[in-house]
Amino acid sequence: MITLNYNNISILFQTLYILFLLSSKRIEALPIRKGLSLTKSLAPHLVDFAESSSSKPLTDNVIKFASPEEIETAFDSAGVPIQLSPGSGPSPDSSLITACQTALQYSVKTRHPLFLNQLYGGVDDAALAGEWLVAACNTNAHTYEVAPVFTLVERAVVRRMGGLVGWEGECD
């Protein structure tokens, strides 16, 4: 027996909508996802940034300090201004890659051996891989229907954390 709740009803309506579009030959109304060319082009730069940040000699700077005006000028030069003006169209991938490289250039290298902060430390390799996995899946763990794996992982983490503070059994 299926329990009707908001999530099940939402999935039901989405399915009916897709079936309607398919049966009425309105397939063009379905959203078409483009490829991942920008992500594929940017990924090596992100990995290089993370790796090089941790292998820098102690004499290298943790950050390339610049004033807000200098950073805004760098983004303007990249073709992707930080200030969003009304009516500006989308930027081409080449400009977005340059803008991302500019962001990396002026960002704090949190994996640098001399990076110390009272709130957090350098990025952990396993944590970064997990974050990329979650971002690539583009999901969240609010229900099992939309995130079965992440819901189970969340339950396991909550159960483990509950056990550390003395709670036994199920922890919600």
C-alpha atoms as a PDB file:
ATOM      1  CA  MET A   1       0.000   0.000   0.000  1.00  0.00           C
ATOM      2  CA  ILE A   2       1.327   3.444  -0.924  1.00  0.00           C
ATOM      3  CA  THR A   3       1.057   6.161   1.668  1.00  0.00           C
ATOM      4  CA  LEU A   4       0.035   9.444   0.092  1.00  0.00           C
ATOM      5  CA  ASN A   5       2.099  12.271   1.436  1.00  0.00           C
ATOM      6  CA  TYR A   6       3.388  15.457  -0.123  1.00  0.00           C
ATOM      7  CA  ASN A   7       6.487  13.777  -1.577  1.00  0.00           C
ATOM      8  CA  ASN A   8       4.583  10.911  -3.162  1.00  0.00           C
ATOM      9  CA  ILE A   9       1.980  13.290  -4.595  1.00  0.00           C
ATOM     10  CA  SER A  10       4.727  15.526  -5.983  1.00  0.00           C
ATOM     11  CA  ILE A  11       6.431  12.566  -7.681  1.00  0.00           C
ATOM     12  CA  LEU A  12       3.070  11.385  -9.003  1.00  0.00           C
ATOM     13  CA  PHE A  13       2.301  14.778 -10.564  1.00  0.00           C
ATOM     14  CA  GLN A  14       5.789  15.026 -12.075  1.00  0.00           C
ATOM     15  CA  THR A  15       5.369  11.586 -13.615  1.00  0.00           C
ATOM     16  CA  LEU A  16       1.904  12.422 -14.952  1.00  0.00           C
ATOM     17  CA  TYR A  17       3.220  15.699 -16.419  1.00  0.00           C
ATOM     18  CA  ILE A  18       6.057  13.903 -18.227  1.00  0.00           C
ATOM     19  CA  LEU A  19       3.635  11.225 -19.504  1.00  0.00           C
ATOM     20  CA  PHE A  20       1.307  13.977 -20.747  1.00  0.00           C
ATOM     21  CA  LEU A  21       4.146  15.690 -22.607  1.00  0.00           C
ATOM     22  CA  LEU A  22       5.271  12.418 -24.145  1.00  0.00           C
ATOM     23  CA  SER A  23       1.773  11.328 -25.175  1.00  0.00           C
ATOM     24  CA  SER A  24       0.882  14.717 -26.669  1.00  0.00           C
ATOM     25  CA  LYS A  25       4.109  14.799 -28.711  1.00  0.00           C
ATOM     26  CA  ARG A  26       5.237  17.873 -26.745  1.00  0.00           C
ATOM     27  CA  ILE A  27       8.618  16.362 -25.958  1.00  0.00           C
ATOM     28  CA  GLU A  28      10.316  19.698 -26.792  1.00  0.00           C
ATOM     29  CA  ALA A  29       8.789  21.119 -23.606  1.00  0.00           C
ATOM     30  CA  LEU A  30      10.953  18.845 -21.464  1.00  0.00           C
ATOM     31  CA  PRO A  31      14.084  20.557 -20.167  1.00  0.00           C
ATOM     32  CA  ILE A  32      17.206  19.594 -22.091  1.00  0.00           C
ATOM     33  CA  ARG A  33      20.385  19.479 -20.043  1.00  0.00           C
ATOM     34  CA  LYS A  34      23.507  20.674 -21.809  1.00  0.00           C
ATOM     35  CA  GLY A  35      26.820  18.887 -21.482  1.00  0.00           C
ATOM     36  CA  LEU A  36      29.407  19.529 -18.829  1.00  0.00           C
ATOM     37  CA  SER A  37      32.030  21.212 -21.026  1.00  0.00           C
ATOM     38  CA  LEU A  38      32.574  24.086 -18.574  1.00  0.00           C
ATOM     39  CA  THR A  39      32.899  21.733 -15.608  1.00  0.00           C
ATOM     40  CA  LYS A  40      35.286  19.448 -17.519  1.00  0.00           C
ATOM     41  CA  SER A  41      37.420  22.441 -18.525  1.00  0.00           C
ATOM     42  CA  LEU A  42      37.496  23.861 -15.013  1.00  0.00           C
ATOM     43  CA  ALA A  43      38.123  20.624 -13.068  1.00  0.00           C
ATOM     44  CA  PRO A  44      41.885  20.397 -13.829  1.00  0.00           C
ATOM     45  CA  HIS A  45      42.342  24.003 -12.644  1.00  0.00           C
ATOM     46  CA  LEU A  46      40.592  23.200  -9.354  1.00  0.00           C
ATOM     47  CA  VAL A  47      42.694  20.099  -8.766  1.00  0.00           C
ATOM     48  CA  ASP A  48      45.903  21.979  -9.655  1.00  0.00           C
ATOM     49  CA  PHE A  49      44.964  24.796  -7.254  1.00  0.00           C
ATOM     50  CA  ALA A  50      44.292  22.369  -4.398  1.00  0.00           C
ATOM     51  CA  GLU A  51      47.468  20.364  -5.021  1.00  0.00           C
ATOM     52  CA  SER A  52      49.757  23.323  -5.559  1.00  0.00           C
ATOM     53  CA  SER A  53      48.423  25.120  -2.480  1.00  0.00           C
ATOM     54  CA  SER A  54      49.641  22.340  -0.207  1.00  0.00           C
ATOM     55  CA  SER A  55      52.992  21.871  -1.923  1.00  0.00           C
ATOM     56  CA  LYS A  56      54.063  25.517  -1.918  1.00  0.00           C
ATOM     57  CA  PRO A  57      57.282  26.385  -0.111  1.00  0.00           C
ATOM     58  CA  LEU A  58      56.893  28.206   3.167  1.00  0.00           C
ATOM     59  CA  THR A  59      58.183  31.376   1.482  1.00  0.00           C
ATOM     60  CA  ASP A  60      55.136  31.567  -0.842  1.00  0.00           C
ATOM     61  CA  ASN A  61      52.211  33.734   0.214  1.00  0.00           C
ATOM     62  CA  VAL A  62      49.037  32.206   1.608  1.00  0.00           C
ATOM     63  CA  ILE A  63      47.075  34.838  -0.338  1.00  0.00           C
ATOM     64  CA  LYS A  64      47.732  37.230  -3.174  1.00  0.00           C
ATOM     65  CA  PHE A  65      46.343  40.248  -1.392  1.00  0.00           C
ATOM     66  CA  ALA A  66      44.552  42.843  -3.489  1.00  0.00           C
ATOM     67  CA  SER A  67      42.140  45.660  -2.769  1.00  0.00           C
ATOM     68  CA  PRO A  68      38.455  45.210  -3.644  1.00  0.00           C
ATOM     69  CA  GLU A  69      38.940  47.568  -6.591  1.00  0.00           C
ATOM     70  CA  GLU A  70      41.874  45.518  -7.933  1.00  0.00           C
ATOM     71  CA  ILE A  71      39.855  42.305  -7.714  1.00  0.00           C
ATOM     72  CA  GLU A  72      36.852  43.898  -9.427  1.00  0.00           C
ATOM     73  CA  THR A  73      39.162  45.175 -12.192  1.00  0.00           C
ATOM     74  CA  ALA A  74      40.606  41.670 -12.633  1.00  0.00           C
ATOM     75  CA  PHE A  75      37.103  40.244 -13.085  1.00  0.00           C
ATOM     76  CA  ASP A  76      36.203  43.058 -15.503  1.00  0.00           C
ATOM     77  CA  SER A  77      39.316  42.122 -17.511  1.00  0.00           C
ATOM     78  CA  ALA A  78      38.202  38.490 -17.493  1.00  0.00           C
ATOM     79  CA  GLY A  79      34.957  39.567 -19.148  1.00  0.00           C
ATOM     80  CA  VAL A  80      32.777  38.637 -16.174  1.00  0.00           C
ATOM     81  CA  PRO A  81      32.323  41.696 -13.958  1.00  0.00           C
ATOM     82  CA  ILE A  82      31.423  41.092 -10.325  1.00  0.00           C
ATOM     83  CA  GLN A  83      28.901  43.933 -10.497  1.00  0.00           C
ATOM     84  CA  LEU A  84      25.894  42.473 -12.274  1.00  0.00           C
ATOM     85  CA  SER A  85      24.272  45.030 -14.513  1.00  0.00           C
ATOM     86  CA  PRO A  86      20.642  44.760 -15.635  1.00  0.00           C
ATOM     87  CA  GLY A  87      20.233  43.302 -19.071  1.00  0.00           C
ATOM     88  CA  SER A  88      23.677  41.755 -19.236  1.00  0.00           C
ATOM     89  CA  GLY A  89      23.523  38.453 -21.046  1.00  0.00           C
ATOM     90  CA  PRO A  90      25.217  35.182 -20.197  1.00  0.00           C
ATOM     91  CA  SER A  91      28.982  34.986 -20.384  1.00  0.00           C
ATOM     92  CA  PRO A  92      30.704  32.513 -22.708  1.00  0.00           C
ATOM     93  CA  ASP A  93      32.431  29.510 -21.164  1.00  0.00           C
ATOM     94  CA  SER A  94      35.878  30.916 -22.000  1.00  0.00           C
ATOM     95  CA  SER A  95      35.157  34.047 -19.929  1.00  0.00           C
ATOM     96  CA  LEU A  96      33.753  31.954 -17.076  1.00  0.00           C
ATOM     97  CA  ILE A  97      36.900  29.811 -17.017  1.00  0.00           C
ATOM     98  CA  THR A  98      39.053  32.960 -16.916  1.00  0.00           C
ATOM     99  CA  ALA A  99      36.838  34.353 -14.129  1.00  0.00           C
ATOM    100  CA  CYS A 100      37.210  31.088 -12.160  1.00  0.00           C
ATOM    101  CA  GLN A 101      40.988  31.222 -12.603  1.00  0.00           C
ATOM    102  CA  THR A 102      40.881  34.824 -11.354  1.00  0.00           C
ATOM    103  CA  ALA A 103      38.883  33.704  -8.311  1.00  0.00           C
ATOM    104  CA  LEU A 104      41.498  31.037  -7.582  1.00  0.00           C
ATOM    105  CA  GLN A 105      44.319  33.561  -8.064  1.00  0.00           C
ATOM    106  CA  TYR A 106      42.916  35.898  -5.390  1.00  0.00           C
ATOM    107  CA  SER A 107      41.623  33.220  -2.990  1.00  0.00           C
ATOM    108  CA  VAL A 108      43.246  32.151   0.255  1.00  0.00           C
ATOM    109  CA  LYS A 109      45.228  28.941  -0.174  1.00  0.00           C
ATOM    110  CA  THR A 110      43.736  27.065   2.760  1.00  0.00           C
ATOM    111  CA  ARG A 111      45.914  24.005   2.087  1.00  0.00           C
ATOM    112  CA  HIS A 112      49.099  26.089   2.426  1.00  0.00           C
ATOM    113  CA  PRO A 113      51.191  24.862   5.389  1.00  0.00           C
ATOM    114  CA  LEU A 114      51.098  28.357   6.934  1.00  0.00           C
ATOM    115  CA  PHE A 115      47.321  28.819   6.703  1.00  0.00           C
ATOM    116  CA  LEU A 116      45.992  29.071  10.228  1.00  0.00           C
ATOM    117  CA  ASN A 117      42.525  30.238  11.163  1.00  0.00           C
ATOM    118  CA  GLN A 118      40.586  30.168  14.407  1.00  0.00           C
ATOM    119  CA  LEU A 119      37.460  28.760  12.713  1.00  0.00           C
ATOM    120  CA  TYR A 120      38.778  26.164  10.257  1.00  0.00           C
ATOM    121  CA  GLY A 121      41.879  24.607   8.767  1.00  0.00           C
ATOM    122  CA  GLY A 122      42.955  23.383   5.382  1.00  0.00           C
ATOM    123  CA  VAL A 123      40.684  21.265   3.261  1.00  0.00           C
ATOM    124  CA  ASP A 124      40.791  17.517   3.802  1.00  0.00           C
ATOM    125  CA  ASP A 125      41.186  15.397   0.656  1.00  0.00           C
ATOM    126  CA  ALA A 126      38.377  12.966   1.547  1.00  0.00           C
ATOM    127  CA  ALA A 127      36.071  15.836   2.516  1.00  0.00           C
ATOM    128  CA  LEU A 128      36.763  17.631  -0.768  1.00  0.00           C
ATOM    129  CA  ALA A 129      36.022  14.471  -2.767  1.00  0.00           C
ATOM    130  CA  GLY A 130      32.788  14.035  -0.812  1.00  0.00           C
ATOM    131  CA  GLU A 131      31.791  17.631  -1.429  1.00  0.00           C
ATOM    132  CA  TRP A 132      32.413  17.228  -5.176  1.00  0.00           C
ATOM    133  CA  LEU A 133      30.363  14.019  -5.151  1.00  0.00           C
ATOM    134  CA  VAL A 134      27.427  15.763  -3.479  1.00  0.00           C
ATOM    135  CA  ALA A 135      27.701  18.743  -5.855  1.00  0.00           C
ATOM    136  CA  ALA A 136      27.840  16.462  -8.922  1.00  0.00           C
ATOM    137  CA  CYS A 137      24.726  14.597  -7.753  1.00  0.00           C
ATOM    138  CA  ASN A 138      22.960  17.938  -7.162  1.00  0.00           C
ATOM    139  CA  THR A 139      20.685  16.477  -4.524  1.00  0.00           C
ATOM    140  CA  ASN A 140      19.804  16.907  -0.880  1.00  0.00           C
ATOM    141  CA  ALA A 141      18.764  14.487   1.817  1.00  0.00           C
ATOM    142  CA  HIS A 142      15.285  15.681   2.734  1.00  0.00           C
ATOM    143  CA  THR A 143      13.602  12.465   1.594  1.00  0.00           C
ATOM    144  CA  TYR A 144      14.643   8.955   0.689  1.00  0.00           C
ATOM    145  CA  GLU A 145      12.893   9.250  -2.702  1.00  0.00           C
ATOM    146  CA  VAL A 146      15.233  11.984  -3.965  1.00  0.00           C
ATOM    147  CA  ALA A 147      18.402  10.895  -2.169  1.00  0.00           C
ATOM    148  CA  PRO A 148      18.407   7.230  -1.129  1.00  0.00           C
ATOM    149  CA  VAL A 149      22.179   6.944  -0.672  1.00  0.00           C
ATOM    150  CA  PHE A 150      22.631  10.278   1.083  1.00  0.00           C
ATOM    151  CA  THR A 151      19.641   9.638   3.359  1.00  0.00           C
ATOM    152  CA  LEU A 152      21.196   6.354   4.492  1.00  0.00           C
ATOM    153  CA  VAL A 153      24.579   8.040   5.024  1.00  0.00           C
ATOM    154  CA  GLU A 154      22.906  10.824   7.016  1.00  0.00           C
ATOM    155  CA  ARG A 155      21.157   8.256   9.221  1.00  0.00           C
ATOM    156  CA  ALA A 156      24.436   6.423   9.817  1.00  0.00           C
ATOM    157  CA  VAL A 157      26.226   9.659  10.765  1.00  0.00           C
ATOM    158  CA  VAL A 158      23.420  10.726  13.131  1.00  0.00           C
ATOM    159  CA  ARG A 159      23.365   7.245  14.712  1.00  0.00           C
ATOM    160  CA  ARG A 160      27.175   7.317  15.173  1.00  0.00           C
ATOM    161  CA  MET A 161      27.178  10.854  16.588  1.00  0.00           C
ATOM    162  CA  GLY A 162      24.315   9.920  18.923  1.00  0.00           C
ATOM    163  CA  GLY A 163      26.292   6.900  20.114  1.00  0.00           C
ATOM    164  CA  LEU A 164      29.282   9.132  20.894  1.00  0.00           C
ATOM    165  CA  VAL A 165      27.185  11.133  23.361  1.00  0.00           C
ATOM    166  CA  GLY A 166      25.528   8.079  24.889  1.00  0.00           C
ATOM    167  CA  TRP A 167      22.261   7.836  22.968  1.00  0.00           C
ATOM    168  CA  GLU A 168      21.327   4.270  22.095  1.00  0.00           C
ATOM    169  CA  GLY A 169      19.026   2.945  19.388  1.00  0.00           C
ATOM    170  CA  GLU A 170      17.491   5.098  16.695  1.00  0.00           C
ATOM    171  CA  CYS A 171      18.469   8.752  16.588  1.00  0.00           C
ATOM    172  CA  ASP A 172      16.394  11.136  14.495  1.00  0.00           C
END
